[in-house]
């Protein structure tokens, strides 16, 4: 991502595109997170039962910690720690979502 990209606008675009839970399920599966058909998944690998849920608005709720993640960016970066940096997280999402 170059320095001239408006990160707030890009994040809002990602949030709009991922408001569909099916899109979030597909993205989570791409990084190896199995999700039930009703949107539950394990946010921590050592969990026995899924404790996180994709909400209808594309946000996430982690019942185990009580955390609420407003979008998949915050879930992947802050919650799941799937990427080392916020730009890496957004770059991966842009590629997966076909955003330029």
N, C-alpha and C. Protein backbone atom coordinates (compact mmCIF):
# COMPACT_ATOMS: atom_id res chain seq x y z
N UNK A 1 0.86 -1.17 0.00
CA UNK A 1 0.00 0.00 0.00
C UNK A 1 0.90 1.22 0.00
N UNK A 2 0.62 2.09 -0.89
CA UNK A 2 1.45 3.29 -0.95
C UNK A 2 0.95 4.32 0.06
N UNK A 3 1.80 5.34 0.30
CA UNK A 3 1.49 6.34 1.30
C UNK A 3 0.31 7.21 0.96
N UNK A 4 -0.15 7.22 -0.28
CA UNK A 4 -1.24 8.10 -0.66
C UNK A 4 -2.62 7.46 -0.52
N UNK A 5 -2.69 6.27 0.02
CA UNK A 5 -3.98 5.60 0.22
C UNK A 5 -4.60 6.10 1.52
N UNK A 6 -5.86 6.45 1.46
CA UNK A 6 -6.61 6.87 2.64
C UNK A 6 -7.01 5.60 3.41
N UNK A 7 -6.28 5.31 4.49
CA UNK A 7 -6.49 4.07 5.24
C UNK A 7 -7.88 4.01 5.88
N UNK A 8 -8.40 5.15 6.33
CA UNK A 8 -9.75 5.16 6.93
C UNK A 8 -10.80 4.80 5.89
N UNK A 9 -10.65 5.35 4.70
CA UNK A 9 -11.60 5.08 3.63
C UNK A 9 -11.50 3.62 3.19
N UNK A 10 -10.27 3.11 3.09
CA UNK A 10 -10.07 1.72 2.72
C UNK A 10 -10.68 0.78 3.77
N UNK A 11 -10.47 1.09 5.02
CA UNK A 11 -11.03 0.26 6.07
C UNK A 11 -12.56 0.27 6.04
N UNK A 12 -13.14 1.43 5.75
CA UNK A 12 -14.60 1.52 5.64
C UNK A 12 -15.09 0.68 4.46
N UNK A 13 -14.35 0.69 3.37
CA UNK A 13 -14.71 -0.14 2.21
C UNK A 13 -14.66 -1.61 2.58
N UNK A 14 -13.61 -2.02 3.28
CA UNK A 14 -13.50 -3.41 3.72
C UNK A 14 -14.67 -3.76 4.64
N UNK A 15 -15.03 -2.85 5.53
CA UNK A 15 -16.15 -3.10 6.45
C UNK A 15 -17.46 -3.28 5.69
N UNK A 16 -17.68 -2.48 4.67
CA UNK A 16 -18.90 -2.58 3.87
C UNK A 16 -18.94 -3.91 3.13
N UNK A 17 -17.83 -4.27 2.49
CA UNK A 17 -17.76 -5.51 1.70
C UNK A 17 -17.91 -6.74 2.59
N UNK A 18 -17.42 -6.67 3.82
CA UNK A 18 -17.48 -7.83 4.71
C UNK A 18 -18.68 -7.80 5.66
N UNK A 19 -19.65 -6.97 5.39
CA UNK A 19 -20.87 -6.95 6.20
C UNK A 19 -21.68 -8.23 6.00
N UNK A 20 -21.38 -8.98 4.94
CA UNK A 20 -22.03 -10.25 4.64
C UNK A 20 -21.28 -11.37 5.39
N UNK A 21 -21.97 -12.10 6.25
CA UNK A 21 -21.30 -13.13 7.04
C UNK A 21 -20.69 -14.23 6.18
N UNK A 22 -21.27 -14.51 5.01
CA UNK A 22 -20.70 -15.52 4.11
C UNK A 22 -19.32 -15.09 3.62
N UNK A 23 -19.14 -13.81 3.39
CA UNK A 23 -17.82 -13.30 2.98
C UNK A 23 -16.83 -13.50 4.11
N UNK A 24 -17.23 -13.20 5.34
CA UNK A 24 -16.35 -13.39 6.49
C UNK A 24 -16.02 -14.86 6.70
N UNK A 25 -16.98 -15.74 6.53
CA UNK A 25 -16.73 -17.17 6.66
C UNK A 25 -15.68 -17.61 5.65
N UNK A 26 -15.81 -17.15 4.41
CA UNK A 26 -14.84 -17.50 3.37
C UNK A 26 -13.45 -16.98 3.72
N UNK A 27 -13.36 -15.74 4.20
CA UNK A 27 -12.07 -15.17 4.56
C UNK A 27 -11.43 -15.93 5.73
N UNK A 28 -12.22 -16.26 6.73
CA UNK A 28 -11.68 -17.00 7.87
C UNK A 28 -11.18 -18.38 7.44
N UNK A 29 -11.91 -19.03 6.57
CA UNK A 29 -11.47 -20.34 6.07
C UNK A 29 -10.16 -20.23 5.31
N UNK A 30 -9.95 -19.12 4.60
CA UNK A 30 -8.72 -18.92 3.83
C UNK A 30 -7.49 -18.86 4.73
N UNK A 31 -7.66 -18.46 5.98
CA UNK A 31 -6.50 -18.44 6.89
C UNK A 31 -6.54 -19.61 7.88
N UNK A 32 -7.40 -20.59 7.60
CA UNK A 32 -7.41 -21.82 8.38
C UNK A 32 -8.29 -21.83 9.61
N UNK A 33 -9.25 -20.92 9.68
CA UNK A 33 -10.18 -20.89 10.81
C UNK A 33 -11.50 -21.52 10.36
N UNK A 34 -11.80 -22.69 10.91
CA UNK A 34 -13.06 -23.35 10.57
C UNK A 34 -14.21 -22.65 11.26
N UNK A 35 -15.27 -22.45 10.51
CA UNK A 35 -16.44 -21.72 10.99
C UNK A 35 -17.69 -22.57 10.78
N UNK A 36 -18.55 -22.60 11.77
CA UNK A 36 -19.80 -23.34 11.61
C UNK A 36 -20.71 -22.58 10.65
N UNK A 37 -21.73 -23.26 10.16
CA UNK A 37 -22.63 -22.61 9.21
C UNK A 37 -23.40 -21.43 9.82
N UNK A 38 -23.51 -21.42 11.16
CA UNK A 38 -24.19 -20.30 11.81
C UNK A 38 -23.21 -19.24 12.32
N UNK A 39 -21.93 -19.33 11.90
CA UNK A 39 -20.98 -18.25 12.15
C UNK A 39 -20.16 -18.33 13.43
N UNK A 40 -20.13 -19.48 14.09
CA UNK A 40 -19.30 -19.63 15.29
C UNK A 40 -17.95 -20.21 14.92
N UNK A 41 -16.90 -19.78 15.63
CA UNK A 41 -15.56 -20.31 15.39
C UNK A 41 -14.70 -20.12 16.63
N UNK A 42 -13.57 -20.81 16.63
CA UNK A 42 -12.61 -20.70 17.73
C UNK A 42 -11.63 -19.58 17.40
N UNK A 43 -11.56 -18.58 18.25
CA UNK A 43 -10.62 -17.47 18.03
C UNK A 43 -9.25 -17.82 18.63
N UNK A 44 -9.24 -18.74 19.58
CA UNK A 44 -8.00 -19.21 20.19
C UNK A 44 -7.87 -20.71 19.88
N UNK A 45 -6.75 -21.12 19.28
CA UNK A 45 -6.61 -22.52 18.85
C UNK A 45 -6.81 -23.56 19.95
N UNK A 46 -6.50 -23.24 21.20
CA UNK A 46 -6.61 -24.22 22.28
C UNK A 46 -8.05 -24.42 22.78
N UNK A 47 -9.00 -23.67 22.27
CA UNK A 47 -10.39 -23.79 22.71
C UNK A 47 -10.99 -25.13 22.30
N UNK A 48 -11.81 -25.67 23.17
CA UNK A 48 -12.51 -26.91 22.85
C UNK A 48 -13.77 -26.65 22.02
N UNK A 49 -14.46 -25.56 22.34
CA UNK A 49 -15.68 -25.22 21.62
C UNK A 49 -15.55 -23.80 21.08
N UNK A 50 -16.21 -23.52 19.96
CA UNK A 50 -16.16 -22.17 19.40
C UNK A 50 -16.70 -21.13 20.38
N UNK A 51 -16.00 -20.01 20.50
CA UNK A 51 -16.43 -18.97 21.43
C UNK A 51 -16.60 -17.61 20.77
N UNK A 52 -16.45 -17.56 19.49
CA UNK A 52 -16.58 -16.29 18.77
C UNK A 52 -17.65 -16.44 17.70
N UNK A 53 -18.40 -15.37 17.46
CA UNK A 53 -19.49 -15.42 16.49
C UNK A 53 -19.44 -14.22 15.56
N UNK A 54 -19.72 -14.49 14.29
CA UNK A 54 -19.88 -13.43 13.30
C UNK A 54 -21.31 -12.92 13.44
N UNK A 55 -21.46 -11.63 13.69
CA UNK A 55 -22.78 -11.02 13.78
C UNK A 55 -23.30 -10.68 12.39
N UNK A 56 -24.59 -10.45 12.29
CA UNK A 56 -25.22 -10.16 11.00
C UNK A 56 -24.69 -8.89 10.34
N UNK A 57 -24.16 -7.97 11.14
CA UNK A 57 -23.65 -6.71 10.58
C UNK A 57 -22.16 -6.79 10.20
N UNK A 58 -21.57 -8.00 10.32
CA UNK A 58 -20.16 -8.16 9.97
C UNK A 58 -19.21 -7.92 11.12
N UNK A 59 -19.74 -7.61 12.30
CA UNK A 59 -18.89 -7.48 13.48
C UNK A 59 -18.77 -8.87 14.12
N UNK A 60 -17.94 -8.95 15.16
CA UNK A 60 -17.67 -10.23 15.80
C UNK A 60 -17.76 -10.06 17.31
N UNK A 61 -18.24 -11.11 17.97
CA UNK A 61 -18.26 -11.08 19.43
C UNK A 61 -17.57 -12.32 19.96
N UNK A 62 -16.59 -12.11 20.83
CA UNK A 62 -15.85 -13.18 21.46
C UNK A 62 -16.43 -13.38 22.85
N UNK A 63 -17.20 -14.44 23.02
CA UNK A 63 -17.85 -14.71 24.29
C UNK A 63 -16.83 -15.12 25.36
N UNK A 64 -15.71 -15.67 24.94
CA UNK A 64 -14.68 -16.10 25.88
C UNK A 64 -14.03 -14.94 26.60
N UNK A 65 -13.73 -13.86 25.87
CA UNK A 65 -13.06 -12.70 26.47
C UNK A 65 -14.00 -11.53 26.71
N UNK A 66 -15.17 -11.57 26.06
CA UNK A 66 -16.10 -10.45 26.15
C UNK A 66 -15.82 -9.36 25.13
N UNK A 67 -14.76 -9.53 24.32
CA UNK A 67 -14.39 -8.52 23.32
C UNK A 67 -15.40 -8.47 22.17
N UNK A 68 -15.58 -7.27 21.66
CA UNK A 68 -16.39 -7.05 20.47
C UNK A 68 -15.47 -6.42 19.43
N UNK A 69 -15.43 -7.03 18.25
CA UNK A 69 -14.60 -6.52 17.16
C UNK A 69 -15.53 -5.94 16.10
N UNK A 70 -15.33 -4.68 15.78
CA UNK A 70 -16.22 -3.96 14.88
C UNK A 70 -16.19 -4.48 13.45
N UNK A 71 -15.06 -5.06 13.05
CA UNK A 71 -14.92 -5.54 11.68
C UNK A 71 -13.87 -6.63 11.62
N UNK A 72 -13.72 -7.23 10.44
CA UNK A 72 -12.76 -8.32 10.29
C UNK A 72 -11.32 -7.83 10.42
N UNK A 73 -11.08 -6.57 10.13
CA UNK A 73 -9.73 -6.02 10.31
C UNK A 73 -9.33 -6.12 11.78
N UNK A 74 -10.18 -5.64 12.66
CA UNK A 74 -9.84 -5.69 14.09
C UNK A 74 -9.81 -7.12 14.62
N UNK A 75 -10.68 -7.98 14.12
CA UNK A 75 -10.64 -9.38 14.55
C UNK A 75 -9.31 -10.02 14.18
N UNK A 76 -8.91 -9.88 12.91
CA UNK A 76 -7.69 -10.53 12.45
C UNK A 76 -6.43 -9.93 13.05
N UNK A 77 -6.42 -8.62 13.22
CA UNK A 77 -5.21 -7.97 13.73
C UNK A 77 -5.17 -7.93 15.26
N UNK A 78 -6.22 -7.43 15.88
CA UNK A 78 -6.22 -7.27 17.33
C UNK A 78 -6.57 -8.57 18.08
N UNK A 79 -7.55 -9.29 17.56
CA UNK A 79 -8.03 -10.46 18.27
C UNK A 79 -7.27 -11.73 17.96
N UNK A 80 -7.25 -12.12 16.71
CA UNK A 80 -6.64 -13.39 16.31
C UNK A 80 -5.13 -13.28 16.11
N UNK A 81 -4.66 -12.07 15.92
CA UNK A 81 -3.23 -11.81 15.70
C UNK A 81 -2.69 -12.63 14.52
N UNK A 82 -3.48 -12.61 13.43
CA UNK A 82 -3.13 -13.38 12.24
C UNK A 82 -2.02 -12.72 11.44
N UNK A 83 -1.81 -11.42 11.62
CA UNK A 83 -0.80 -10.68 10.86
C UNK A 83 0.04 -9.83 11.81
N UNK A 84 1.26 -9.53 11.37
CA UNK A 84 2.20 -8.77 12.21
C UNK A 84 1.88 -7.29 12.31
N UNK A 85 1.17 -6.76 11.31
CA UNK A 85 0.90 -5.33 11.32
C UNK A 85 -0.48 -5.06 10.73
N UNK A 86 -1.00 -3.90 11.05
CA UNK A 86 -2.30 -3.49 10.50
C UNK A 86 -2.23 -3.35 8.97
N UNK A 87 -1.18 -2.73 8.41
CA UNK A 87 -1.09 -2.67 6.94
C UNK A 87 -1.04 -4.06 6.29
N UNK A 88 -0.35 -5.02 6.91
CA UNK A 88 -0.32 -6.38 6.37
C UNK A 88 -1.71 -7.00 6.38
N UNK A 89 -2.45 -6.77 7.46
CA UNK A 89 -3.82 -7.28 7.57
C UNK A 89 -4.69 -6.71 6.46
N UNK A 90 -4.62 -5.41 6.28
CA UNK A 90 -5.45 -4.75 5.27
C UNK A 90 -5.01 -5.13 3.86
N UNK A 91 -3.72 -5.30 3.65
CA UNK A 91 -3.21 -5.72 2.33
C UNK A 91 -3.76 -7.09 1.97
N UNK A 92 -3.71 -8.03 2.93
CA UNK A 92 -4.22 -9.37 2.68
C UNK A 92 -5.71 -9.33 2.36
N UNK A 93 -6.46 -8.57 3.14
CA UNK A 93 -7.90 -8.46 2.90
C UNK A 93 -8.18 -7.85 1.53
N UNK A 94 -7.43 -6.84 1.14
CA UNK A 94 -7.64 -6.22 -0.18
C UNK A 94 -7.42 -7.23 -1.30
N UNK A 95 -6.37 -8.04 -1.18
CA UNK A 95 -6.11 -9.05 -2.20
C UNK A 95 -7.24 -10.06 -2.22
N UNK A 96 -7.63 -10.58 -1.07
CA UNK A 96 -8.68 -11.58 -0.98
C UNK A 96 -10.03 -11.08 -1.46
N UNK A 97 -10.31 -9.80 -1.23
CA UNK A 97 -11.59 -9.20 -1.61
C UNK A 97 -11.57 -8.60 -3.01
N UNK A 98 -10.40 -8.59 -3.63
CA UNK A 98 -10.29 -8.01 -4.97
C UNK A 98 -10.38 -6.50 -4.98
N UNK A 99 -9.96 -5.86 -3.91
CA UNK A 99 -9.99 -4.39 -3.82
C UNK A 99 -8.65 -3.83 -4.27
N UNK A 100 -8.69 -2.68 -4.91
CA UNK A 100 -7.44 -2.05 -5.37
C UNK A 100 -7.12 -0.86 -4.53
